[in-house]
Amino acid sequence: MKNLLIATAAIAFSATSVFAQTATPTPNPDGDTPAVATPSDQNATGPVEGANSFTEGQAKDRIVEAGYADVTELKLDDKGVWQGKATKDGKAVAVTLDYQGNIVAK
């Protein structure tokens, strides 16, 4: 019974977030640059499609290290790009992290 209540609450919560969606950056299929090693280096054409090895925790940590807060709703899409929501400078943004470590926000 407890599991049913938790599952129902989770579904209801996720359904309400659909109405608050913001546009996310579109992945770039032409990612010919090498992988990025540090959070301070960014590929100007990011986010780049590709096999992403970041775990959800690593993706969140990297986004926070880049100056974002309140990182939520991180999901790995079918193009290998982590997409979620965050805040920066008090503003809500849609944020992405690709396999190279590029962070792009809109």
C-alpha atoms as a PDB file:
ATOM      1  CA  MET A   1       0.000   0.000   0.000  1.00  0.00           C
ATOM      2  CA  LYS A   2       2.834   2.360   0.888  1.00  0.00           C
ATOM      3  CA  ASN A   3       4.549   1.662  -2.443  1.00  0.00           C
ATOM      4  CA  LEU A   4       1.322   2.375  -4.316  1.00  0.00           C
ATOM      5  CA  LEU A   5       0.967   5.728  -2.541  1.00  0.00           C
ATOM      6  CA  ILE A   6       4.571   6.680  -3.350  1.00  0.00           C
ATOM      7  CA  ALA A   7       4.171   5.654  -6.992  1.00  0.00           C
ATOM      8  CA  THR A   8       0.934   7.637  -7.308  1.00  0.00           C
ATOM      9  CA  ALA A   9       2.572  10.726  -5.813  1.00  0.00           C
ATOM     10  CA  ALA A  10       5.555  10.401  -8.150  1.00  0.00           C
ATOM     11  CA  ILE A  11       3.328  10.154 -11.211  1.00  0.00           C
ATOM     12  CA  ALA A  12       1.239  13.132 -10.129  1.00  0.00           C
ATOM     13  CA  PHE A  13       4.364  15.209  -9.502  1.00  0.00           C
ATOM     14  CA  SER A  14       5.923  14.333 -12.855  1.00  0.00           C
ATOM     15  CA  ALA A  15       2.690  15.113 -14.694  1.00  0.00           C
ATOM     16  CA  THR A  16       2.638  18.657 -13.300  1.00  0.00           C
ATOM     17  CA  SER A  17       6.215  19.291 -14.420  1.00  0.00           C
ATOM     18  CA  VAL A  18       5.189  18.784 -18.059  1.00  0.00           C
ATOM     19  CA  PHE A  19       3.439  22.132 -18.026  1.00  0.00           C
ATOM     20  CA  ALA A  20       6.536  23.959 -16.784  1.00  0.00           C
ATOM     21  CA  GLN A  21       8.885  22.767 -19.549  1.00  0.00           C
ATOM     22  CA  THR A  22      11.420  25.158 -21.036  1.00  0.00           C
ATOM     23  CA  ALA A  23      13.174  24.732 -24.361  1.00  0.00           C
ATOM     24  CA  THR A  24      16.434  22.782 -24.173  1.00  0.00           C
ATOM     25  CA  PRO A  25      19.404  23.282 -26.472  1.00  0.00           C
ATOM     26  CA  THR A  26      19.422  21.008 -29.515  1.00  0.00           C
ATOM     27  CA  PRO A  27      22.384  18.599 -29.678  1.00  0.00           C
ATOM     28  CA  ASN A  28      24.925  19.154 -32.439  1.00  0.00           C
ATOM     29  CA  PRO A  29      25.439  15.983 -34.539  1.00  0.00           C
ATOM     30  CA  ASP A  30      28.822  17.264 -35.819  1.00  0.00           C
ATOM     31  CA  GLY A  31      30.921  16.779 -32.687  1.00  0.00           C
ATOM     32  CA  ASP A  32      34.356  16.286 -34.233  1.00  0.00           C
ATOM     33  CA  THR A  33      36.338  17.860 -31.398  1.00  0.00           C
ATOM     34  CA  PRO A  34      38.131  15.816 -28.735  1.00  0.00           C
ATOM     35  CA  ALA A  35      36.621  15.207 -25.312  1.00  0.00           C
ATOM     36  CA  VAL A  36      36.859  18.111 -22.882  1.00  0.00           C
ATOM     37  CA  ALA A  37      38.872  17.412 -19.729  1.00  0.00           C
ATOM     38  CA  THR A  38      37.968  20.327 -17.448  1.00  0.00           C
ATOM     39  CA  PRO A  39      34.740  22.172 -16.590  1.00  0.00           C
ATOM     40  CA  SER A  40      36.323  25.507 -17.612  1.00  0.00           C
ATOM     41  CA  ASP A  41      36.910  24.366 -21.231  1.00  0.00           C
ATOM     42  CA  GLN A  42      33.839  24.289 -23.446  1.00  0.00           C
ATOM     43  CA  ASN A  43      33.231  23.209 -27.025  1.00  0.00           C
ATOM     44  CA  ALA A  44      31.544  26.142 -28.740  1.00  0.00           C
ATOM     45  CA  THR A  45      29.352  23.782 -30.773  1.00  0.00           C
ATOM     46  CA  GLY A  46      28.001  21.914 -27.696  1.00  0.00           C
ATOM     47  CA  PRO A  47      25.959  20.082 -26.763  1.00  0.00           C
ATOM     48  CA  VAL A  48      27.462  17.340 -28.903  1.00  0.00           C
ATOM     49  CA  GLU A  49      25.714  14.032 -29.574  1.00  0.00           C
ATOM     50  CA  GLY A  50      27.585  10.897 -28.539  1.00  0.00           C
ATOM     51  CA  ALA A  51      27.893   8.012 -26.096  1.00  0.00           C
ATOM     52  CA  ASN A  52      27.787   9.618 -22.662  1.00  0.00           C
ATOM     53  CA  SER A  53      29.596   7.911 -19.793  1.00  0.00           C
ATOM     54  CA  PHE A  54      28.660  10.430 -17.085  1.00  0.00           C
ATOM     55  CA  THR A  55      26.432   9.012 -14.372  1.00  0.00           C
ATOM     56  CA  GLU A  56      23.529  11.179 -13.201  1.00  0.00           C
ATOM     57  CA  GLY A  57      25.511  12.112 -10.081  1.00  0.00           C
ATOM     58  CA  GLN A  58      28.592  13.057 -12.100  1.00  0.00           C
ATOM     59  CA  ALA A  59      26.477  15.114 -14.502  1.00  0.00           C
ATOM     60  CA  LYS A  60      24.829  16.971 -11.630  1.00  0.00           C
ATOM     61  CA  ASP A  61      28.184  17.606  -9.907  1.00  0.00           C
ATOM     62  CA  ARG A  62      29.702  18.968 -13.113  1.00  0.00           C
ATOM     63  CA  ILE A  63      26.746  21.309 -13.679  1.00  0.00           C
ATOM     64  CA  VAL A  64      26.979  22.562 -10.071  1.00  0.00           C
ATOM     65  CA  GLU A  65      30.755  23.099 -10.489  1.00  0.00           C
ATOM     66  CA  ALA A  66      29.928  25.333 -13.470  1.00  0.00           C
ATOM     67  CA  GLY A  67      27.938  27.667 -11.202  1.00  0.00           C
ATOM     68  CA  TYR A  68      24.401  26.304 -11.460  1.00  0.00           C
ATOM     69  CA  ALA A  69      22.193  25.530  -8.456  1.00  0.00           C
ATOM     70  CA  ASP A  70      18.999  23.561  -7.804  1.00  0.00           C
ATOM     71  CA  VAL A  71      19.743  21.035 -10.570  1.00  0.00           C
ATOM     72  CA  THR A  72      16.645  18.871 -11.090  1.00  0.00           C
ATOM     73  CA  GLU A  73      14.984  16.549 -13.591  1.00  0.00           C
ATOM     74  CA  LEU A  74      18.249  15.298 -15.125  1.00  0.00           C
ATOM     75  CA  LYS A  75      17.559  12.746 -17.814  1.00  0.00           C
ATOM     76  CA  LEU A  76      19.875  11.206 -20.403  1.00  0.00           C
ATOM     77  CA  ASP A  77      18.242  11.572 -23.817  1.00  0.00           C
ATOM     78  CA  ASP A  78      18.574   9.236 -26.799  1.00  0.00           C
ATOM     79  CA  LYS A  79      21.366  11.389 -28.279  1.00  0.00           C
ATOM     80  CA  GLY A  80      23.608  10.953 -25.208  1.00  0.00           C
ATOM     81  CA  VAL A  81      22.958  14.398 -23.726  1.00  0.00           C
ATOM     82  CA  TRP A  82      21.949  14.960 -20.097  1.00  0.00           C
ATOM     83  CA  GLN A  83      19.068  17.451 -19.950  1.00  0.00           C
ATOM     84  CA  GLY A  84      17.557  19.057 -16.882  1.00  0.00           C
ATOM     85  CA  LYS A  85      16.620  22.240 -15.107  1.00  0.00           C
ATOM     86  CA  ALA A  86      18.698  24.504 -12.893  1.00  0.00           C
ATOM     87  CA  THR A  87      19.061  28.067 -11.705  1.00  0.00           C
ATOM     88  CA  LYS A  88      21.906  30.492 -12.321  1.00  0.00           C
ATOM     89  CA  ASP A  89      22.035  34.041 -11.047  1.00  0.00           C
ATOM     90  CA  GLY A  90      18.500  33.568  -9.711  1.00  0.00           C
ATOM     91  CA  LYS A  91      17.058  32.641 -13.113  1.00  0.00           C
ATOM     92  CA  ALA A  92      15.564  29.276 -14.072  1.00  0.00           C
ATOM     93  CA  VAL A  93      17.220  27.720 -17.122  1.00  0.00           C
ATOM     94  CA  ALA A  94      17.133  24.508 -19.121  1.00  0.00           C
ATOM     95  CA  VAL A  95      20.614  23.003 -18.951  1.00  0.00           C
ATOM     96  CA  THR A  96      22.386  20.275 -20.947  1.00  0.00           C
ATOM     97  CA  LEU A  97      25.623  18.362 -20.465  1.00  0.00           C
ATOM     98  CA  ASP A  98      27.094  16.363 -23.341  1.00  0.00           C
ATOM     99  CA  TYR A  99      29.651  13.546 -23.319  1.00  0.00           C
ATOM    100  CA  GLN A 100      32.484  16.063 -23.764  1.00  0.00           C
ATOM    101  CA  GLY A 101      31.456  17.944 -20.628  1.00  0.00           C
ATOM    102  CA  ASN A 102      29.992  20.915 -22.493  1.00  0.00           C
ATOM    103  CA  ILE A 103      27.298  22.675 -20.472  1.00  0.00           C
ATOM    104  CA  VAL A 104      24.781  24.740 -22.423  1.00  0.00           C
ATOM    105  CA  ALA A 105      21.860  26.622 -20.879  1.00  0.00           C
ATOM    106  CA  LYS A 106      18.871  28.445 -22.342  1.00  0.00           C
END
